[in-house]
C-alpha cells in the first residue's frame, strides 16, 4: 500500500498462507484461562487482508499495535 504494489495470487501454492498464532507459557495459560479463552475466540477471525491493513497502520501510519488491535475488536463487536 505504501509503494502502490499489487499482491499477486500464488496460484502455484509456492508460499504458505500467513497464520499468526498466540504463544503462551504453560504456567501462564494455566493461571489465566480467561486469556486463553479470549485468544481462542480470535481463531480464524482475522483475514489476510485485515492483517495486512493492521500491519500497515502500525508500520506506516505510526499507530500503536494496542490501539489498532483495540479498534479491530471494537469493529468486530
PDB file of N, CA and C in Angstrom:
ATOM      1  N   UNK A   1       0.828  -1.193   0.000  1.00  0.00           N
ATOM      2  CA  UNK A   1       0.000   0.000   0.000  1.00  0.00           C
ATOM      3  C   UNK A   1       0.868   1.251   0.000  1.00  0.00           C
ATOM      4  N   UNK A   2       1.935   1.241   0.752  1.00  0.00           N
ATOM      5  CA  UNK A   2       2.793   2.417   0.838  1.00  0.00           C
ATOM      6  C   UNK A   2       3.522   2.686  -0.465  1.00  0.00           C
ATOM      7  N   UNK A   3       3.743   1.656  -1.272  1.00  0.00           N
ATOM      8  CA  UNK A   3       4.520   1.807  -2.507  1.00  0.00           C
ATOM      9  C   UNK A   3       3.707   1.473  -3.751  1.00  0.00           C
ATOM     10  N   UNK A   4       2.378   1.464  -3.638  1.00  0.00           N
ATOM     11  CA  UNK A   4       1.492   1.120  -4.755  1.00  0.00           C
ATOM     12  C   UNK A   4       1.820  -0.236  -5.368  1.00  0.00           C
ATOM     13  N   UNK A   5       2.158  -1.198  -4.529  1.00  0.00           N
ATOM     14  CA  UNK A   5       2.432  -2.554  -5.000  1.00  0.00           C
ATOM     15  C   UNK A   5       1.126  -3.333  -5.074  1.00  0.00           C
ATOM     16  N   UNK A   6       1.097  -4.323  -5.908  1.00  0.00           N
ATOM     17  CA  UNK A   6      -0.078  -5.173  -6.061  1.00  0.00           C
ATOM     18  C   UNK A   6       0.286  -6.577  -5.599  1.00  0.00           C
ATOM     19  N   UNK A   7      -0.529  -7.142  -4.723  1.00  0.00           N
ATOM     20  CA  UNK A   7      -0.298  -8.516  -4.268  1.00  0.00           C
ATOM     21  C   UNK A   7      -0.784  -9.476  -5.342  1.00  0.00           C
ATOM     22  N   UNK A   8       0.068 -10.396  -5.720  1.00  0.00           N
ATOM     23  CA  UNK A   8      -0.283 -11.377  -6.737  1.00  0.00           C
ATOM     24  C   UNK A   8      -0.828 -12.643  -6.092  1.00  0.00           C
ATOM     25  N   UNK A   9      -1.712 -13.310  -6.794  1.00  0.00           N
ATOM     26  CA  UNK A   9      -2.248 -14.593  -6.340  1.00  0.00           C
ATOM     27  C   UNK A   9      -1.170 -15.657  -6.518  1.00  0.00           C
ATOM     28  N   UNK A  10      -0.942 -16.445  -5.493  1.00  0.00           N
ATOM     29  CA  UNK A  10       0.046 -17.529  -5.561  1.00  0.00           C
ATOM     30  C   UNK A  10      -0.660 -18.785  -6.065  1.00  0.00           C
ATOM     31  N   UNK A  11      -0.974 -18.809  -7.348  1.00  0.00           N
ATOM     32  CA  UNK A  11      -1.747 -19.924  -7.898  1.00  0.00           C
ATOM     33  C   UNK A  11      -0.953 -21.225  -7.986  1.00  0.00           C
ATOM     34  N   UNK A  12       0.353 -21.160  -7.757  1.00  0.00           N
ATOM     35  CA  UNK A  12       1.180 -22.377  -7.733  1.00  0.00           C
ATOM     36  C   UNK A  12       1.333 -22.937  -6.323  1.00  0.00           C
ATOM     37  N   UNK A  13       0.859 -22.194  -5.324  1.00  0.00           N
ATOM     38  CA  UNK A  13       0.966 -22.649  -3.943  1.00  0.00           C
ATOM     39  C   UNK A  13       2.392 -22.690  -3.429  1.00  0.00           C
ATOM     40  N   UNK A  14       3.232 -21.789  -3.931  1.00  0.00           N
ATOM     41  CA  UNK A  14       4.642 -21.777  -3.541  1.00  0.00           C
ATOM     42  C   UNK A  14       4.846 -21.284  -2.111  1.00  0.00           C
ATOM     43  N   UNK A  15       4.090 -20.263  -1.726  1.00  0.00           N
ATOM     44  CA  UNK A  15       4.260 -19.674  -0.400  1.00  0.00           C
ATOM     45  C   UNK A  15       3.106 -20.087   0.509  1.00  0.00           C
ATOM     46  N   UNK A  16       3.402 -20.448   1.739  1.00  0.00           N
ATOM     47  CA  UNK A  16       2.321 -20.811   2.665  1.00  0.00           C
ATOM     48  C   UNK A  16       1.549 -19.567   3.093  1.00  0.00           C
ATOM     49  N   UNK A  17       0.293 -19.757   3.456  1.00  0.00           N
ATOM     50  CA  UNK A  17      -0.511 -18.648   3.962  1.00  0.00           C
ATOM     51  C   UNK A  17       0.017 -18.226   5.325  1.00  0.00           C
ATOM     52  N   UNK A  18      -0.086 -16.935   5.597  1.00  0.00           N
ATOM     53  CA  UNK A  18       0.314 -16.421   6.902  1.00  0.00           C
ATOM     54  C   UNK A  18      -0.776 -16.765   7.905  1.00  0.00           C
ATOM     55  N   UNK A  19      -0.400 -17.415   8.962  1.00  0.00           N
ATOM     56  CA  UNK A  19      -1.349 -17.725  10.023  1.00  0.00           C
ATOM     57  C   UNK A  19      -0.676 -17.443  11.357  1.00  0.00           C
ATOM     58  N   UNK A  20      -1.013 -16.302  11.924  1.00  0.00           N
ATOM     59  CA  UNK A  20      -0.467 -15.952  13.226  1.00  0.00           C
ATOM     60  C   UNK A  20      -1.035 -16.868  14.298  1.00  0.00           C
ATOM     61  N   UNK A  21      -0.283 -17.080  15.332  1.00  0.00           N
ATOM     62  CA  UNK A  21      -0.742 -17.938  16.423  1.00  0.00           C
ATOM     63  C   UNK A  21      -0.212 -17.396  17.744  1.00  0.00           C
ATOM     64  N   UNK A  22      -1.055 -17.375  18.767  1.00  0.00           N
ATOM     65  CA  UNK A  22      -0.578 -16.922  20.076  1.00  0.00           C
ATOM     66  C   UNK A  22       0.352 -17.959  20.697  1.00  0.00           C
ATOM     67  N   UNK A  23       1.309 -17.466  21.440  1.00  0.00           N
ATOM     68  CA  UNK A  23       2.224 -18.364  22.156  1.00  0.00           C
ATOM     69  C   UNK A  23       2.253 -17.926  23.616  1.00  0.00           C
ATOM     70  N   UNK A  24       1.943 -18.857  24.496  1.00  0.00           N
ATOM     71  CA  UNK A  24       1.920 -18.588  25.929  1.00  0.00           C
ATOM     72  C   UNK A  24       2.707 -19.663  26.658  1.00  0.00           C
ATOM     73  N   UNK A  25       3.310 -19.275  27.752  1.00  0.00           N
ATOM     74  CA  UNK A  25       3.925 -20.288  28.615  1.00  0.00           C
ATOM     75  C   UNK A  25       2.810 -21.135  29.228  1.00  0.00           C
ATOM     76  N   UNK A  26       3.085 -22.384  29.456  1.00  0.00           N
ATOM     77  CA  UNK A  26       2.089 -23.303  30.006  1.00  0.00           C
ATOM     78  C   UNK A  26       1.587 -22.810  31.359  1.00  0.00           C
ATOM     79  N   UNK A  27       2.490 -22.350  32.206  1.00  0.00           N
ATOM     80  CA  UNK A  27       2.064 -21.892  33.532  1.00  0.00           C
ATOM     81  C   UNK A  27       1.194 -20.643  33.435  1.00  0.00           C
ATOM     82  N   UNK A  28       1.493 -19.758  32.486  1.00  0.00           N
ATOM     83  CA  UNK A  28       0.668 -18.560  32.309  1.00  0.00           C
ATOM     84  C   UNK A  28      -0.727 -18.956  31.829  1.00  0.00           C
ATOM     85  N   UNK A  29      -0.783 -19.844  30.852  1.00  0.00           N
ATOM     86  CA  UNK A  29      -2.072 -20.300  30.330  1.00  0.00           C
ATOM     87  C   UNK A  29      -2.891 -20.981  31.425  1.00  0.00           C
ATOM     88  N   UNK A  30      -2.235 -21.765  32.249  1.00  0.00           N
ATOM     89  CA  UNK A  30      -2.923 -22.453  33.342  1.00  0.00           C
ATOM     90  C   UNK A  30      -3.474 -21.444  34.350  1.00  0.00           C
ATOM     91  N   UNK A  31      -2.688 -20.409  34.649  1.00  0.00           N
ATOM     92  CA  UNK A  31      -3.084 -19.427  35.660  1.00  0.00           C
ATOM     93  C   UNK A  31      -4.043 -18.364  35.126  1.00  0.00           C
ATOM     94  N   UNK A  32      -4.176 -18.272  33.806  1.00  0.00           N
ATOM     95  CA  UNK A  32      -5.020 -17.236  33.199  1.00  0.00           C
ATOM     96  C   UNK A  32      -5.926 -17.838  32.118  1.00  0.00           C
ATOM     97  N   UNK A  33      -6.846 -18.703  32.501  1.00  0.00           N
ATOM     98  CA  UNK A  33      -7.701 -19.356  31.499  1.00  0.00           C
ATOM     99  C   UNK A  33      -8.566 -18.364  30.722  1.00  0.00           C
ATOM    100  N   UNK A  34      -8.857 -17.213  31.308  1.00  0.00           N
ATOM    101  CA  UNK A  34      -9.656 -16.215  30.606  1.00  0.00           C
ATOM    102  C   UNK A  34      -8.900 -15.647  29.404  1.00  0.00           C
ATOM    103  N   UNK A  35      -7.581 -15.560  29.494  1.00  0.00           N
ATOM    104  CA  UNK A  35      -6.773 -15.097  28.363  1.00  0.00           C
ATOM    105  C   UNK A  35      -6.801 -16.141  27.249  1.00  0.00           C
ATOM    106  N   UNK A  36      -6.672 -17.395  27.621  1.00  0.00           N
ATOM    107  CA  UNK A  36      -6.727 -18.479  26.637  1.00  0.00           C
ATOM    108  C   UNK A  36      -8.084 -18.471  25.935  1.00  0.00           C
ATOM    109  N   UNK A  37      -9.155 -18.300  26.689  1.00  0.00           N
ATOM    110  CA  UNK A  37     -10.497 -18.275  26.104  1.00  0.00           C
ATOM    111  C   UNK A  37     -10.649 -17.102  25.139  1.00  0.00           C
ATOM    112  N   UNK A  38     -10.138 -15.934  25.515  1.00  0.00           N
ATOM    113  CA  UNK A  38     -10.223 -14.756  24.641  1.00  0.00           C
ATOM    114  C   UNK A  38      -9.441 -14.974  23.352  1.00  0.00           C
ATOM    115  N   UNK A  39      -8.255 -15.540  23.461  1.00  0.00           N
ATOM    116  CA  UNK A  39      -7.445 -15.803  22.271  1.00  0.00           C
ATOM    117  C   UNK A  39      -8.096 -16.857  21.381  1.00  0.00           C
ATOM    118  N   UNK A  40      -8.721 -17.848  21.987  1.00  0.00           N
ATOM    119  CA  UNK A  40      -9.398 -18.891  21.207  1.00  0.00           C
ATOM    120  C   UNK A  40     -10.555 -18.320  20.387  1.00  0.00           C
ATOM    121  N   UNK A  41     -11.204 -17.275  20.908  1.00  0.00           N
ATOM    122  CA  UNK A  41     -12.303 -16.653  20.163  1.00  0.00           C
ATOM    123  C   UNK A  41     -11.800 -15.962  18.896  1.00  0.00           C
ATOM    124  N   UNK A  42     -10.518 -15.608  18.857  1.00  0.00           N
ATOM    125  CA  UNK A  42      -9.947 -14.960  17.671  1.00  0.00           C
ATOM    126  C   UNK A  42      -9.560 -15.953  16.582  1.00  0.00           C
ATOM    127  N   UNK A  43      -9.553 -17.229  16.910  1.00  0.00           N
ATOM    128  CA  UNK A  43      -9.101 -18.255  15.966  1.00  0.00           C
ATOM    129  C   UNK A  43      -9.888 -18.184  14.661  1.00  0.00           C
ATOM    130  N   UNK A  44      -9.184 -17.957  13.569  1.00  0.00           N
ATOM    131  CA  UNK A  44      -9.801 -17.904  12.253  1.00  0.00           C
ATOM    132  C   UNK A  44     -10.568 -16.637  11.950  1.00  0.00           C
ATOM    133  N   UNK A  45     -10.549 -15.660  12.845  1.00  0.00           N
ATOM    134  CA  UNK A  45     -11.335 -14.447  12.669  1.00  0.00           C
ATOM    135  C   UNK A  45     -10.651 -13.425  11.757  1.00  0.00           C
ATOM    136  N   UNK A  46      -9.346 -13.275  11.879  1.00  0.00           N
ATOM    137  CA  UNK A  46      -8.636 -12.212  11.173  1.00  0.00           C
ATOM    138  C   UNK A  46      -8.252 -12.695   9.778  1.00  0.00           C
ATOM    139  N   UNK A  47      -8.747 -11.978   8.765  1.00  0.00           N
ATOM    140  CA  UNK A  47      -8.420 -12.345   7.390  1.00  0.00           C
ATOM    141  C   UNK A  47      -7.027 -11.829   7.035  1.00  0.00           C
ATOM    142  N   UNK A  48      -6.486 -12.348   5.950  1.00  0.00           N
ATOM    143  CA  UNK A  48      -5.171 -11.901   5.495  1.00  0.00           C
ATOM    144  C   UNK A  48      -5.205 -10.408   5.167  1.00  0.00           C
ATOM    145  N   UNK A  49      -6.266  -9.953   4.518  1.00  0.00           N
ATOM    146  CA  UNK A  49      -6.393  -8.533   4.164  1.00  0.00           C
ATOM    147  C   UNK A  49      -6.468  -7.662   5.419  1.00  0.00           C
ATOM    148  N   UNK A  50      -7.191  -8.122   6.427  1.00  0.00           N
ATOM    149  CA  UNK A  50      -7.271  -7.365   7.682  1.00  0.00           C
ATOM    150  C   UNK A  50      -5.905  -7.288   8.355  1.00  0.00           C
ATOM    151  N   UNK A  51      -5.156  -8.380   8.336  1.00  0.00           N
ATOM    152  CA  UNK A  51      -3.825  -8.384   8.946  1.00  0.00           C
ATOM    153  C   UNK A  51      -2.894  -7.436   8.203  1.00  0.00           C
ATOM    154  N   UNK A  52      -2.965  -7.439   6.877  1.00  0.00           N
ATOM    155  CA  UNK A  52      -2.147  -6.518   6.086  1.00  0.00           C
ATOM    156  C   UNK A  52      -2.485  -5.078   6.457  1.00  0.00           C
ATOM    157  N   UNK A  53      -3.772  -4.778   6.561  1.00  0.00           N
ATOM    158  CA  UNK A  53      -4.206  -3.422   6.906  1.00  0.00           C
ATOM    159  C   UNK A  53      -3.733  -3.028   8.303  1.00  0.00           C
ATOM    160  N   UNK A  54      -3.861  -3.925   9.266  1.00  0.00           N
ATOM    161  CA  UNK A  54      -3.417  -3.599  10.629  1.00  0.00           C
ATOM    162  C   UNK A  54      -1.906  -3.420  10.692  1.00  0.00           C
ATOM    163  N   UNK A  55      -1.156  -4.272   9.997  1.00  0.00           N
ATOM    164  CA  UNK A  55       0.299  -4.111   9.950  1.00  0.00           C
ATOM    165  C   UNK A  55       0.671  -2.767   9.341  1.00  0.00           C
ATOM    166  N   UNK A  56      -0.044  -2.357   8.303  1.00  0.00           N
ATOM    167  CA  UNK A  56       0.195  -1.069   7.654  1.00  0.00           C
ATOM    168  C   UNK A  56      -0.055   0.082   8.628  1.00  0.00           C
ATOM    169  N   UNK A  57      -1.144  -0.005   9.369  1.00  0.00           N
ATOM    170  CA  UNK A  57      -1.472   1.050  10.323  1.00  0.00           C
ATOM    171  C   UNK A  57      -0.366   1.230  11.357  1.00  0.00           C
ATOM    172  N   UNK A  58       0.250   0.141  11.751  1.00  0.00           N
ATOM    173  CA  UNK A  58       1.320   0.207  12.750  1.00  0.00           C
ATOM    174  C   UNK A  58       2.639   0.627  12.109  1.00  0.00           C
ATOM    175  N   UNK A  59       3.038  -0.047  11.036  1.00  0.00           N
ATOM    176  CA  UNK A  59       4.373   0.187  10.471  1.00  0.00           C
ATOM    177  C   UNK A  59       4.475   1.462   9.645  1.00  0.00           C
ATOM    178  N   UNK A  60       3.406   1.853   8.969  1.00  0.00           N
ATOM    179  CA  UNK A  60       3.476   3.014   8.083  1.00  0.00           C
ATOM    180  C   UNK A  60       2.786   4.252   8.638  1.00  0.00           C
ATOM    181  N   UNK A  61       1.707   4.053   9.372  1.00  0.00           N
ATOM    182  CA  UNK A  61       0.967   5.194   9.899  1.00  0.00           C
ATOM    183  C   UNK A  61       1.380   5.558  11.318  1.00  0.00           C
ATOM    184  N   UNK A  62       2.200   4.715  11.941  1.00  0.00           N
ATOM    185  CA  UNK A  62       2.707   5.023  13.273  1.00  0.00           C
ATOM    186  C   UNK A  62       1.728   4.824  14.412  1.00  0.00           C
ATOM    187  N   UNK A  63       0.624   4.140  14.156  1.00  0.00           N
ATOM    188  CA  UNK A  63      -0.320   3.860  15.232  1.00  0.00           C
ATOM    189  C   UNK A  63       0.257   2.768  16.129  1.00  0.00           C
ATOM    190  N   UNK A  64      -0.172   2.761  17.371  1.00  0.00           N
ATOM    191  CA  UNK A  64       0.317   1.715  18.269  1.00  0.00           C
ATOM    192  C   UNK A  64      -0.424   0.411  17.976  1.00  0.00           C
ATOM    193  N   UNK A  65       0.274  -0.700  18.149  1.00  0.00           N
ATOM    194  CA  UNK A  65      -0.341  -2.011  17.939  1.00  0.00           C
ATOM    195  C   UNK A  65      -1.538  -2.183  18.870  1.00  0.00           C
ATOM    196  N   UNK A  66      -1.409  -1.686  20.080  1.00  0.00           N
ATOM    197  CA  UNK A  66      -2.500  -1.792  21.053  1.00  0.00           C
ATOM    198  C   UNK A  66      -3.749  -1.068  20.549  1.00  0.00           C
ATOM    199  N   UNK A  67      -3.570   0.149  20.031  1.00  0.00           N
ATOM    200  CA  UNK A  67      -4.717   0.916  19.542  1.00  0.00           C
ATOM    201  C   UNK A  67      -5.350   0.270  18.312  1.00  0.00           C
ATOM    202  N   UNK A  68      -4.523  -0.231  17.413  1.00  0.00           N
ATOM    203  CA  UNK A  68      -5.037  -0.880  16.202  1.00  0.00           C
ATOM    204  C   UNK A  68      -5.814  -2.138  16.573  1.00  0.00           C
ATOM    205  N   UNK A  69      -5.258  -2.940  17.468  1.00  0.00           N
ATOM    206  CA  UNK A  69      -5.942  -4.162  17.900  1.00  0.00           C
ATOM    207  C   UNK A  69      -7.250  -3.832  18.611  1.00  0.00           C
ATOM    208  N   UNK A  70      -7.221  -2.818  19.453  1.00  0.00           N
ATOM    209  CA  UNK A  70      -8.423  -2.409  20.182  1.00  0.00           C
ATOM    210  C   UNK A  70      -9.518  -1.986  19.204  1.00  0.00           C
ATOM    211  N   UNK A  71      -9.160  -1.183  18.212  1.00  0.00           N
ATOM    212  CA  UNK A  71     -10.146  -0.731  17.229  1.00  0.00           C
ATOM    213  C   UNK A  71     -10.689  -1.904  16.416  1.00  0.00           C
ATOM    214  N   UNK A  72      -9.822  -2.844  16.077  1.00  0.00           N
ATOM    215  CA  UNK A  72     -10.263  -4.036  15.340  1.00  0.00           C
ATOM    216  C   UNK A  72     -11.329  -4.790  16.143  1.00  0.00           C
ATOM    217  N   UNK A  73     -11.059  -4.990  17.422  1.00  0.00           N
ATOM    218  CA  UNK A  73     -12.006  -5.725  18.262  1.00  0.00           C
ATOM    219  C   UNK A  73     -13.317  -4.963  18.424  1.00  0.00           C
ATOM    220  N   UNK A  74     -13.242  -3.640  18.532  1.00  0.00           N
ATOM    221  CA  UNK A  74     -14.471  -2.844  18.607  1.00  0.00           C
ATOM    222  C   UNK A  74     -15.279  -2.973  17.316  1.00  0.00           C
ATOM    223  N   UNK A  75     -14.585  -2.907  16.182  1.00  0.00           N
ATOM    224  CA  UNK A  75     -15.266  -3.012  14.891  1.00  0.00           C
ATOM    225  C   UNK A  75     -15.923  -4.376  14.696  1.00  0.00           C
ATOM    226  N   UNK A  76     -15.301  -5.418  15.214  1.00  0.00           N
ATOM    227  CA  UNK A  76     -15.831  -6.775  15.065  1.00  0.00           C
ATOM    228  C   UNK A  76     -16.943  -7.088  16.058  1.00  0.00           C
ATOM    229  N   UNK A  77     -17.050  -6.239  17.084  1.00  0.00           N
ATOM    230  CA  UNK A  77     -18.095  -6.453  18.078  1.00  0.00           C
ATOM    231  C   UNK A  77     -17.699  -7.476  19.064  1.00  0.00           C
TER     232      UNK A  77
END
